[in-house]
Amino acid sequence: MDLLKAAECSRQGPVKTDLIKTAGSNIVLVCLEDGQEIPPHPELYAVVFVVLQGEGTITAGIVEHPVKPLHLVSVGKYQNRGIRCDHRMILLGIRDDV
């Protein structure tokens, strides 16, 4: 699968596309256009974000990580996570429900 071709983006807001769901994990593509943001919020699961394209900032807990292609950010269970896009971003999100 070509992940960049599978990504769907919208000027209306961030888009999440489910790729693979299993009993213990979920793999998604997240696409944000310039200036879009997913505000920091806690979740009941851990996640690893891999930046495939673009630049921005990923919040993990209380730390803001400037990111660009091929950067990886891990966010623990119950920690705040958020994404702010400076230049069109496509991210792979690997969620761990275990």
PDB file of N, CA and C in Angstrom:
ATOM      1  N   MET A   1       0.844  -1.175   0.000  1.00  0.00           N
ATOM      2  CA  MET A   1       0.000   0.000   0.000  1.00  0.00           C
ATOM      3  C   MET A   1       0.890   1.239   0.000  1.00  0.00           C
ATOM      4  N   ASP A   2       0.605   2.168  -0.878  1.00  0.00           N
ATOM      5  CA  ASP A   2       1.304   3.446  -0.901  1.00  0.00           C
ATOM      6  C   ASP A   2       0.584   4.370   0.074  1.00  0.00           C
ATOM      7  N   LEU A   3       1.204   4.606   1.222  1.00  0.00           N
ATOM      8  CA  LEU A   3       0.554   5.366   2.291  1.00  0.00           C
ATOM      9  C   LEU A   3       0.246   6.806   1.890  1.00  0.00           C
ATOM     10  N   LEU A   4       1.121   7.435   1.138  1.00  0.00           N
ATOM     11  CA  LEU A   4       0.869   8.814   0.734  1.00  0.00           C
ATOM     12  C   LEU A   4      -0.306   8.913  -0.228  1.00  0.00           C
ATOM     13  N   LYS A   5      -0.475   7.921  -1.084  1.00  0.00           N
ATOM     14  CA  LYS A   5      -1.623   7.917  -2.000  1.00  0.00           C
ATOM     15  C   LYS A   5      -2.918   7.570  -1.274  1.00  0.00           C
ATOM     16  N   ALA A   6      -2.828   6.821  -0.186  1.00  0.00           N
ATOM     17  CA  ALA A   6      -4.024   6.430   0.567  1.00  0.00           C
ATOM     18  C   ALA A   6      -4.545   7.550   1.471  1.00  0.00           C
ATOM     19  N   ALA A   7      -3.716   8.554   1.724  1.00  0.00           N
ATOM     20  CA  ALA A   7      -4.101   9.646   2.630  1.00  0.00           C
ATOM     21  C   ALA A   7      -5.160  10.529   1.984  1.00  0.00           C
ATOM     22  N   GLU A   8      -6.157  10.887   2.779  1.00  0.00           N
ATOM     23  CA  GLU A   8      -7.197  11.815   2.339  1.00  0.00           C
ATOM     24  C   GLU A   8      -7.080  13.075   3.170  1.00  0.00           C
ATOM     25  N   CYS A   9      -7.054  14.222   2.493  1.00  0.00           N
ATOM     26  CA  CYS A   9      -6.940  15.502   3.184  1.00  0.00           C
ATOM     27  C   CYS A   9      -8.140  16.376   2.830  1.00  0.00           C
ATOM     28  N   SER A  10      -8.425  17.338   3.704  1.00  0.00           N
ATOM     29  CA  SER A  10      -9.555  18.235   3.480  1.00  0.00           C
ATOM     30  C   SER A  10      -9.260  19.598   4.072  1.00  0.00           C
ATOM     31  N   ARG A  11      -9.650  20.627   3.381  1.00  0.00           N
ATOM     32  CA  ARG A  11      -9.531  21.992   3.915  1.00  0.00           C
ATOM     33  C   ARG A  11     -10.541  22.219   5.041  1.00  0.00           C
ATOM     34  N   GLN A  12     -11.516  21.322   5.180  1.00  0.00           N
ATOM     35  CA  GLN A  12     -12.550  21.444   6.218  1.00  0.00           C
ATOM     36  C   GLN A  12     -12.040  21.074   7.601  1.00  0.00           C
ATOM     37  N   GLY A  13     -10.981  20.270   7.665  1.00  0.00           N
ATOM     38  CA  GLY A  13     -10.436  19.858   8.950  1.00  0.00           C
ATOM     39  C   GLY A  13      -9.607  18.601   8.809  1.00  0.00           C
ATOM     40  N   PRO A  14      -8.933  18.194   9.889  1.00  0.00           N
ATOM     41  CA  PRO A  14      -8.110  16.979   9.852  1.00  0.00           C
ATOM     42  C   PRO A  14      -8.941  15.756   9.458  1.00  0.00           C
ATOM     43  N   VAL A  15      -8.298  14.825   8.743  1.00  0.00           N
ATOM     44  CA  VAL A  15      -8.976  13.606   8.303  1.00  0.00           C
ATOM     45  C   VAL A  15      -8.195  12.394   8.813  1.00  0.00           C
ATOM     46  N   LYS A  16      -8.926  11.465   9.436  1.00  0.00           N
ATOM     47  CA  LYS A  16      -8.334  10.203   9.895  1.00  0.00           C
ATOM     48  C   LYS A  16      -8.890   9.086   9.027  1.00  0.00           C
ATOM     49  N   THR A  17      -7.993   8.271   8.462  1.00  0.00           N
ATOM     50  CA  THR A  17      -8.393   7.143   7.627  1.00  0.00           C
ATOM     51  C   THR A  17      -7.910   5.853   8.287  1.00  0.00           C
ATOM     52  N   ASP A  18      -8.843   4.967   8.635  1.00  0.00           N
ATOM     53  CA  ASP A  18      -8.480   3.681   9.230  1.00  0.00           C
ATOM     54  C   ASP A  18      -7.869   2.785   8.160  1.00  0.00           C
ATOM     55  N   LEU A  19      -6.719   2.182   8.477  1.00  0.00           N
ATOM     56  CA  LEU A  19      -6.066   1.258   7.556  1.00  0.00           C
ATOM     57  C   LEU A  19      -6.229  -0.186   8.004  1.00  0.00           C
ATOM     58  N   ILE A  20      -5.894  -0.459   9.272  1.00  0.00           N
ATOM     59  CA  ILE A  20      -5.948  -1.824   9.799  1.00  0.00           C
ATOM     60  C   ILE A  20      -6.453  -1.769  11.235  1.00  0.00           C
ATOM     61  N   LYS A  21      -7.447  -2.599  11.540  1.00  0.00           N
ATOM     62  CA  LYS A  21      -7.936  -2.723  12.913  1.00  0.00           C
ATOM     63  C   LYS A  21      -7.782  -4.168  13.352  1.00  0.00           C
ATOM     64  N   THR A  22      -7.219  -4.354  14.552  1.00  0.00           N
ATOM     65  CA  THR A  22      -7.118  -5.688  15.139  1.00  0.00           C
ATOM     66  C   THR A  22      -7.653  -5.604  16.559  1.00  0.00           C
ATOM     67  N   ALA A  23      -7.647  -6.719  17.253  1.00  0.00           N
ATOM     68  CA  ALA A  23      -8.151  -6.744  18.625  1.00  0.00           C
ATOM     69  C   ALA A  23      -7.330  -5.860  19.560  1.00  0.00           C
ATOM     70  N   GLY A  24      -6.029  -5.683  19.275  1.00  0.00           N
ATOM     71  CA  GLY A  24      -5.181  -4.928  20.191  1.00  0.00           C
ATOM     72  C   GLY A  24      -4.601  -3.645  19.652  1.00  0.00           C
ATOM     73  N   SER A  25      -4.852  -3.341  18.375  1.00  0.00           N
ATOM     74  CA  SER A  25      -4.268  -2.119  17.824  1.00  0.00           C
ATOM     75  C   SER A  25      -5.094  -1.589  16.662  1.00  0.00           C
ATOM     76  N   ASN A  26      -4.781  -0.383  16.275  1.00  0.00           N
ATOM     77  CA  ASN A  26      -5.441   0.262  15.153  1.00  0.00           C
ATOM     78  C   ASN A  26      -4.379   1.104  14.449  1.00  0.00           C
ATOM     79  N   ILE A  27      -4.274   0.985  13.132  1.00  0.00           N
ATOM     80  CA  ILE A  27      -3.318   1.766  12.362  1.00  0.00           C
ATOM     81  C   ILE A  27      -4.111   2.703  11.464  1.00  0.00           C
ATOM     82  N   VAL A  28      -3.790   4.008  11.560  1.00  0.00           N
ATOM     83  CA  VAL A  28      -4.533   5.027  10.824  1.00  0.00           C
ATOM     84  C   VAL A  28      -3.577   5.981  10.123  1.00  0.00           C
ATOM     85  N   LEU A  29      -4.100   6.650   9.117  1.00  0.00           N
ATOM     86  CA  LEU A  29      -3.418   7.787   8.506  1.00  0.00           C
ATOM     87  C   LEU A  29      -4.144   9.034   8.963  1.00  0.00           C
ATOM     88  N   VAL A  30      -3.394  10.058   9.337  1.00  0.00           N
ATOM     89  CA  VAL A  30      -3.972  11.336   9.743  1.00  0.00           C
ATOM     90  C   VAL A  30      -3.394  12.394   8.817  1.00  0.00           C
ATOM     91  N   CYS A  31      -4.261  13.216   8.240  1.00  0.00           N
ATOM     92  CA  CYS A  31      -3.815  14.259   7.321  1.00  0.00           C
ATOM     93  C   CYS A  31      -4.351  15.608   7.788  1.00  0.00           C
ATOM     94  N   LEU A  32      -3.458  16.591   7.860  1.00  0.00           N
ATOM     95  CA  LEU A  32      -3.827  17.955   8.232  1.00  0.00           C
ATOM     96  C   LEU A  32      -3.259  18.912   7.191  1.00  0.00           C
ATOM     97  N   GLU A  33      -4.055  19.901   6.829  1.00  0.00           N
ATOM     98  CA  GLU A  33      -3.605  20.944   5.921  1.00  0.00           C
ATOM     99  C   GLU A  33      -2.947  22.064   6.732  1.00  0.00           C
ATOM    100  N   ASP A  34      -2.252  22.966   6.056  1.00  0.00           N
ATOM    101  CA  ASP A  34      -1.580  24.081   6.714  1.00  0.00           C
ATOM    102  C   ASP A  34      -2.511  24.774   7.708  1.00  0.00           C
ATOM    103  N   GLY A  35      -2.028  24.976   8.926  1.00  0.00           N
ATOM    104  CA  GLY A  35      -2.776  25.709   9.937  1.00  0.00           C
ATOM    105  C   GLY A  35      -3.796  24.895  10.713  1.00  0.00           C
ATOM    106  N   GLN A  36      -4.079  23.669  10.300  1.00  0.00           N
ATOM    107  CA  GLN A  36      -5.046  22.851  11.028  1.00  0.00           C
ATOM    108  C   GLN A  36      -4.416  22.282  12.293  1.00  0.00           C
ATOM    109  N   GLU A  37      -5.280  21.946  13.256  1.00  0.00           N
ATOM    110  CA  GLU A  37      -4.793  21.461  14.535  1.00  0.00           C
ATOM    111  C   GLU A  37      -5.779  20.469  15.145  1.00  0.00           C
ATOM    112  N   ILE A  38      -5.229  19.488  15.820  1.00  0.00           N
ATOM    113  CA  ILE A  38      -5.994  18.627  16.718  1.00  0.00           C
ATOM    114  C   ILE A  38      -5.510  19.024  18.109  1.00  0.00           C
ATOM    115  N   PRO A  39      -6.338  19.737  18.876  1.00  0.00           N
ATOM    116  CA  PRO A  39      -5.890  20.231  20.179  1.00  0.00           C
ATOM    117  C   PRO A  39      -5.487  19.091  21.117  1.00  0.00           C
ATOM    118  N   PRO A  40      -4.517  19.341  22.003  1.00  0.00           N
ATOM    119  CA  PRO A  40      -4.106  18.317  22.960  1.00  0.00           C
ATOM    120  C   PRO A  40      -5.289  17.815  23.794  1.00  0.00           C
ATOM    121  N   HIS A  41      -5.362  16.502  23.915  1.00  0.00           N
ATOM    122  CA  HIS A  41      -6.440  15.853  24.666  1.00  0.00           C
ATOM    123  C   HIS A  41      -5.945  14.481  25.123  1.00  0.00           C
ATOM    124  N   PRO A  42      -6.421  13.990  26.260  1.00  0.00           N
ATOM    125  CA  PRO A  42      -6.007  12.661  26.722  1.00  0.00           C
ATOM    126  C   PRO A  42      -6.808  11.566  26.017  1.00  0.00           C
ATOM    127  N   GLU A  43      -6.219  10.395  25.915  1.00  0.00           N
ATOM    128  CA  GLU A  43      -6.907   9.215  25.370  1.00  0.00           C
ATOM    129  C   GLU A  43      -6.608   8.020  26.259  1.00  0.00           C
ATOM    130  N   LEU A  44      -7.420   6.972  26.122  1.00  0.00           N
ATOM    131  CA  LEU A  44      -7.301   5.767  26.942  1.00  0.00           C
ATOM    132  C   LEU A  44      -6.299   4.761  26.384  1.00  0.00           C
ATOM    133  N   TYR A  45      -5.530   5.161  25.375  1.00  0.00           N
ATOM    134  CA  TYR A  45      -4.604   4.243  24.716  1.00  0.00           C
ATOM    135  C   TYR A  45      -3.284   4.957  24.404  1.00  0.00           C
ATOM    136  N   ALA A  46      -2.235   4.168  24.229  1.00  0.00           N
ATOM    137  CA  ALA A  46      -0.944   4.696  23.787  1.00  0.00           C
ATOM    138  C   ALA A  46      -0.949   4.767  22.255  1.00  0.00           C
ATOM    139  N   VAL A  47      -0.126   5.649  21.713  1.00  0.00           N
ATOM    140  CA  VAL A  47      -0.022   5.777  20.259  1.00  0.00           C
ATOM    141  C   VAL A  47       1.390   6.193  19.885  1.00  0.00           C
ATOM    142  N   VAL A  48       1.820   5.744  18.712  1.00  0.00           N
ATOM    143  CA  VAL A  48       3.068   6.191  18.124  1.00  0.00           C
ATOM    144  C   VAL A  48       2.710   6.876  16.811  1.00  0.00           C
ATOM    145  N   PHE A  49       3.206   8.098  16.628  1.00  0.00           N
ATOM    146  CA  PHE A  49       3.016   8.830  15.376  1.00  0.00           C
ATOM    147  C   PHE A  49       4.315   8.813  14.590  1.00  0.00           C
ATOM    148  N   VAL A  50       4.228   8.496  13.299  1.00  0.00           N
ATOM    149  CA  VAL A  50       5.358   8.574  12.385  1.00  0.00           C
ATOM    150  C   VAL A  50       4.981   9.603  11.321  1.00  0.00           C
ATOM    151  N   VAL A  51       5.793  10.641  11.202  1.00  0.00           N
ATOM    152  CA  VAL A  51       5.523  11.689  10.216  1.00  0.00           C
ATOM    153  C   VAL A  51       6.011  11.203   8.852  1.00  0.00           C
ATOM    154  N   LEU A  52       5.087  11.117   7.902  1.00  0.00           N
ATOM    155  CA  LEU A  52       5.435  10.689   6.547  1.00  0.00           C
ATOM    156  C   LEU A  52       5.726  11.875   5.650  1.00  0.00           C
ATOM    157  N   GLN A  53       5.003  12.985   5.900  1.00  0.00           N
ATOM    158  CA  GLN A  53       5.143  14.168   5.053  1.00  0.00           C
ATOM    159  C   GLN A  53       4.798  15.398   5.873  1.00  0.00           C
ATOM    160  N   GLY A  54       5.449  16.515   5.603  1.00  0.00           N
ATOM    161  CA  GLY A  54       5.093  17.785   6.210  1.00  0.00           C
ATOM    162  C   GLY A  54       5.874  18.127   7.459  1.00  0.00           C
ATOM    163  N   GLU A  55       5.455  19.243   8.086  1.00  0.00           N
ATOM    164  CA  GLU A  55       6.107  19.731   9.291  1.00  0.00           C
ATOM    165  C   GLU A  55       5.072  20.312  10.237  1.00  0.00           C
ATOM    166  N   GLY A  56       5.379  20.213  11.524  1.00  0.00           N
ATOM    167  CA  GLY A  56       4.482  20.772  12.524  1.00  0.00           C
ATOM    168  C   GLY A  56       4.980  20.443  13.913  1.00  0.00           C
ATOM    169  N   THR A  57       4.033  20.330  14.833  1.00  0.00           N
ATOM    170  CA  THR A  57       4.348  20.048  16.230  1.00  0.00           C
ATOM    171  C   THR A  57       3.406  18.978  16.742  1.00  0.00           C
ATOM    172  N   ILE A  58       3.964  17.987  17.411  1.00  0.00           N
ATOM    173  CA  ILE A  58       3.158  16.955  18.065  1.00  0.00           C
ATOM    174  C   ILE A  58       3.356  17.105  19.567  1.00  0.00           C
ATOM    175  N   THR A  59       2.248  17.205  20.293  1.00  0.00           N
ATOM    176  CA  THR A  59       2.289  17.270  21.750  1.00  0.00           C
ATOM    177  C   THR A  59       2.188  15.857  22.298  1.00  0.00           C
ATOM    178  N   ALA A  60       3.092  15.520  23.225  1.00  0.00           N
ATOM    179  CA  ALA A  60       3.086  14.226  23.923  1.00  0.00           C
ATOM    180  C   ALA A  60       3.192  14.543  25.409  1.00  0.00           C
ATOM    181  N   GLY A  61       2.086  14.399  26.126  1.00  0.00           N
ATOM    182  CA  GLY A  61       2.070  14.793  27.531  1.00  0.00           C
ATOM    183  C   GLY A  61       2.153  16.305  27.620  1.00  0.00           C
ATOM    184  N   ILE A  62       3.226  16.815  28.234  1.00  0.00           N
ATOM    185  CA  ILE A  62       3.409  18.266  28.335  1.00  0.00           C
ATOM    186  C   ILE A  62       4.516  18.767  27.419  1.00  0.00           C
ATOM    187  N   VAL A  63       5.095  17.866  26.612  1.00  0.00           N
ATOM    188  CA  VAL A  63       6.216  18.225  25.735  1.00  0.00           C
ATOM    189  C   VAL A  63       5.717  18.428  24.308  1.00  0.00           C
ATOM    190  N   GLU A  64       6.148  19.534  23.694  1.00  0.00           N
ATOM    191  CA  GLU A  64       5.843  19.790  22.292  1.00  0.00           C
ATOM    192  C   GLU A  64       7.069  19.444  21.454  1.00  0.00           C
ATOM    193  N   HIS A  65       6.883  18.543  20.483  1.00  0.00           N
ATOM    194  CA  HIS A  65       7.986  18.078  19.640  1.00  0.00           C
ATOM    195  C   HIS A  65       7.849  18.675  18.239  1.00  0.00           C
ATOM    196  N   PRO A  66       8.796  19.525  17.801  1.00  0.00           N
ATOM    197  CA  PRO A  66       8.798  19.943  16.399  1.00  0.00           C
ATOM    198  C   PRO A  66       9.121  18.709  15.550  1.00  0.00           C
ATOM    199  N   VAL A  67       8.349  18.487  14.493  1.00  0.00           N
ATOM    200  CA  VAL A  67       8.545  17.274  13.690  1.00  0.00           C
ATOM    201  C   VAL A  67       8.587  17.585  12.203  1.00  0.00           C
ATOM    202  N   LYS A  68       9.243  16.671  11.482  1.00  0.00           N
ATOM    203  CA  LYS A  68       9.306  16.693  10.025  1.00  0.00           C
ATOM    204  C   LYS A  68       9.345  15.240   9.564  1.00  0.00           C
ATOM    205  N   PRO A  69       9.396  14.972   8.258  1.00  0.00           N
ATOM    206  CA  PRO A  69       9.336  13.588   7.782  1.00  0.00           C
ATOM    207  C   PRO A  69      10.337  12.656   8.458  1.00  0.00           C
ATOM    208  N   LEU A  70       9.831  11.470   8.764  1.00  0.00           N
ATOM    209  CA  LEU A  70      10.538  10.356   9.377  1.00  0.00           C
ATOM    210  C   LEU A  70      10.813  10.545  10.872  1.00  0.00           C
ATOM    211  N   HIS A  71      10.208  11.558  11.473  1.00  0.00           N
ATOM    212  CA  HIS A  71      10.263  11.681  12.930  1.00  0.00           C
ATOM    213  C   HIS A  71       9.197  10.788  13.541  1.00  0.00           C
ATOM    214  N   LEU A  72       9.490  10.276  14.723  1.00  0.00           N
ATOM    215  CA  LEU A  72       8.583   9.395  15.458  1.00  0.00           C
ATOM    216  C   LEU A  72       8.361   9.984  16.848  1.00  0.00           C
ATOM    217  N   VAL A  73       7.094  10.008  17.283  1.00  0.00           N
ATOM    218  CA  VAL A  73       6.747  10.493  18.622  1.00  0.00           C
ATOM    219  C   VAL A  73       5.834   9.473  19.275  1.00  0.00           C
ATOM    220  N   SER A  74       6.189   9.054  20.473  1.00  0.00           N
ATOM    221  CA  SER A  74       5.401   8.097  21.243  1.00  0.00           C
ATOM    222  C   SER A  74       4.640   8.842  22.344  1.00  0.00           C
ATOM    223  N   VAL A  75       3.361   8.494  22.498  1.00  0.00           N
ATOM    224  CA  VAL A  75       2.527   9.122  23.528  1.00  0.00           C
ATOM    225  C   VAL A  75       1.915   8.013  24.373  1.00  0.00           C
ATOM    226  N   GLY A  76       2.096   8.102  25.677  1.00  0.00           N
ATOM    227  CA  GLY A  76       1.612   7.070  26.579  1.00  0.00           C
ATOM    228  C   GLY A  76       0.107   7.098  26.808  1.00  0.00           C
ATOM    229  N   LYS A  77      -0.376   6.004  27.324  1.00  0.00           N
ATOM    230  CA  LYS A  77      -1.775   5.847  27.707  1.00  0.00           C
ATOM    231  C   LYS A  77      -2.155   6.963  28.675  1.00  0.00           C
ATOM    232  N   TYR A  78      -3.309   7.586  28.473  1.00  0.00           N
ATOM    233  CA  TYR A  78      -3.864   8.664  29.293  1.00  0.00           C
ATOM    234  C   TYR A  78      -3.141   9.997  29.132  1.00  0.00           C
ATOM    235  N   GLN A  79      -2.059  10.067  28.362  1.00  0.00           N
ATOM    236  CA  GLN A  79      -1.349  11.330  28.167  1.00  0.00           C
ATOM    237  C   GLN A  79      -2.041  12.189  27.116  1.00  0.00           C
ATOM    238  N   ASN A  80      -1.887  13.506  27.260  1.00  0.00           N
ATOM    239  CA  ASN A  80      -2.374  14.416  26.227  1.00  0.00           C
ATOM    240  C   ASN A  80      -1.607  14.167  24.945  1.00  0.00           C
ATOM    241  N   ARG A  81      -2.328  14.274  23.821  1.00  0.00           N
ATOM    242  CA  ARG A  81      -1.706  14.217  22.510  1.00  0.00           C
ATOM    243  C   ARG A  81      -2.424  15.215  21.617  1.00  0.00           C
ATOM    244  N   GLY A  82      -1.650  15.883  20.785  1.00  0.00           N
ATOM    245  CA  GLY A  82      -2.205  16.870  19.870  1.00  0.00           C
ATOM    246  C   GLY A  82      -1.259  17.058  18.700  1.00  0.00           C
ATOM    247  N   ILE A  83      -1.797  17.615  17.603  1.00  0.00           N
ATOM    248  CA  ILE A  83      -1.002  17.834  16.394  1.00  0.00           C
ATOM    249  C   ILE A  83      -1.326  19.227  15.866  1.00  0.00           C
ATOM    250  N   ARG A  84      -0.287  20.005  15.585  1.00  0.00           N
ATOM    251  CA  ARG A  84      -0.440  21.315  14.949  1.00  0.00           C
ATOM    252  C   ARG A  84       0.367  21.286  13.653  1.00  0.00           C
ATOM    253  N   CYS A  85      -0.275  21.630  12.554  1.00  0.00           N
ATOM    254  CA  CYS A  85       0.342  21.522  11.227  1.00  0.00           C
ATOM    255  C   CYS A  85       0.843  22.876  10.734  1.00  0.00           C
ATOM    256  N   ASP A  86       2.123  22.925  10.368  1.00  0.00           N
ATOM    257  CA  ASP A  86       2.693  24.120   9.739  1.00  0.00           C
ATOM    258  C   ASP A  86       2.698  23.977   8.217  1.00  0.00           C
ATOM    259  N   HIS A  87       3.044  22.791   7.742  1.00  0.00           N
ATOM    260  CA  HIS A  87       3.049  22.476   6.307  1.00  0.00           C
ATOM    261  C   HIS A  87       2.371  21.118   6.153  1.00  0.00           C
ATOM    262  N   ARG A  88       1.439  21.013   5.239  1.00  0.00           N
ATOM    263  CA  ARG A  88       0.599  19.822   5.048  1.00  0.00           C
ATOM    264  C   ARG A  88       1.269  18.554   5.571  1.00  0.00           C
ATOM    265  N   MET A  89       0.599  17.929   6.557  1.00  0.00           N
ATOM    266  CA  MET A  89       1.171  16.755   7.223  1.00  0.00           C
ATOM    267  C   MET A  89       0.374  15.493   6.949  1.00  0.00           C
ATOM    268  N   ILE A  90       1.096  14.410   6.727  1.00  0.00           N
ATOM    269  CA  ILE A  90       0.504  13.072   6.697  1.00  0.00           C
ATOM    270  C   ILE A  90       1.269  12.248   7.708  1.00  0.00           C
ATOM    271  N   LEU A  91       0.528  11.670   8.643  1.00  0.00           N
ATOM    272  CA  LEU A  91       1.128  10.885   9.728  1.00  0.00           C
ATOM    273  C   LEU A  91       0.522   9.493   9.759  1.00  0.00           C
ATOM    274  N   LEU A  92       1.339   8.541  10.141  1.00  0.00           N
ATOM    275  CA  LEU A  92       0.873   7.193  10.432  1.00  0.00           C
ATOM    276  C   LEU A  92       0.715   7.129  11.948  1.00  0.00           C
ATOM    277  N   GLY A  93      -0.471   6.748  12.402  1.00  0.00           N
ATOM    278  CA  GLY A  93      -0.719   6.580  13.830  1.00  0.00           C
ATOM    279  C   GLY A  93      -0.898   5.113  14.147  1.00  0.00           C
ATOM    280  N   ILE A  94      -0.121   4.610  15.077  1.00  0.00           N
ATOM    281  CA  ILE A  94      -0.203   3.199  15.464  1.00  0.00           C
ATOM    282  C   ILE A  94      -0.668   3.173  16.912  1.00  0.00           C
ATOM    283  N   ARG A  95      -1.903   2.801  17.096  1.00  0.00           N
ATOM    284  CA  ARG A  95      -2.562   2.820  18.398  1.00  0.00           C
ATOM    285  C   ARG A  95      -2.453   1.469  19.078  1.00  0.00           C
ATOM    286  N   ASP A  96      -2.149   1.493  20.362  1.00  0.00           N
ATOM    287  CA  ASP A  96      -2.010   0.269  21.158  1.00  0.00           C
ATOM    288  C   ASP A  96      -3.102   0.237  22.219  1.00  0.00           C
ATOM    289  N   ASP A  97      -4.061  -0.660  22.051  1.00  0.00           N
ATOM    290  CA  ASP A  97      -5.184  -0.763  22.986  1.00  0.00           C
ATOM    291  C   ASP A  97      -4.935  -1.739  24.118  1.00  0.00           C
ATOM    292  N   VAL A  98      -3.781  -2.382  24.115  1.00  0.00           N
ATOM    293  CA  VAL A  98      -3.506  -3.418  25.118  1.00  0.00           C
ATOM    294  C   VAL A  98      -3.063  -2.789  26.413  1.00  0.00           C
TER     295      VAL A  98
END
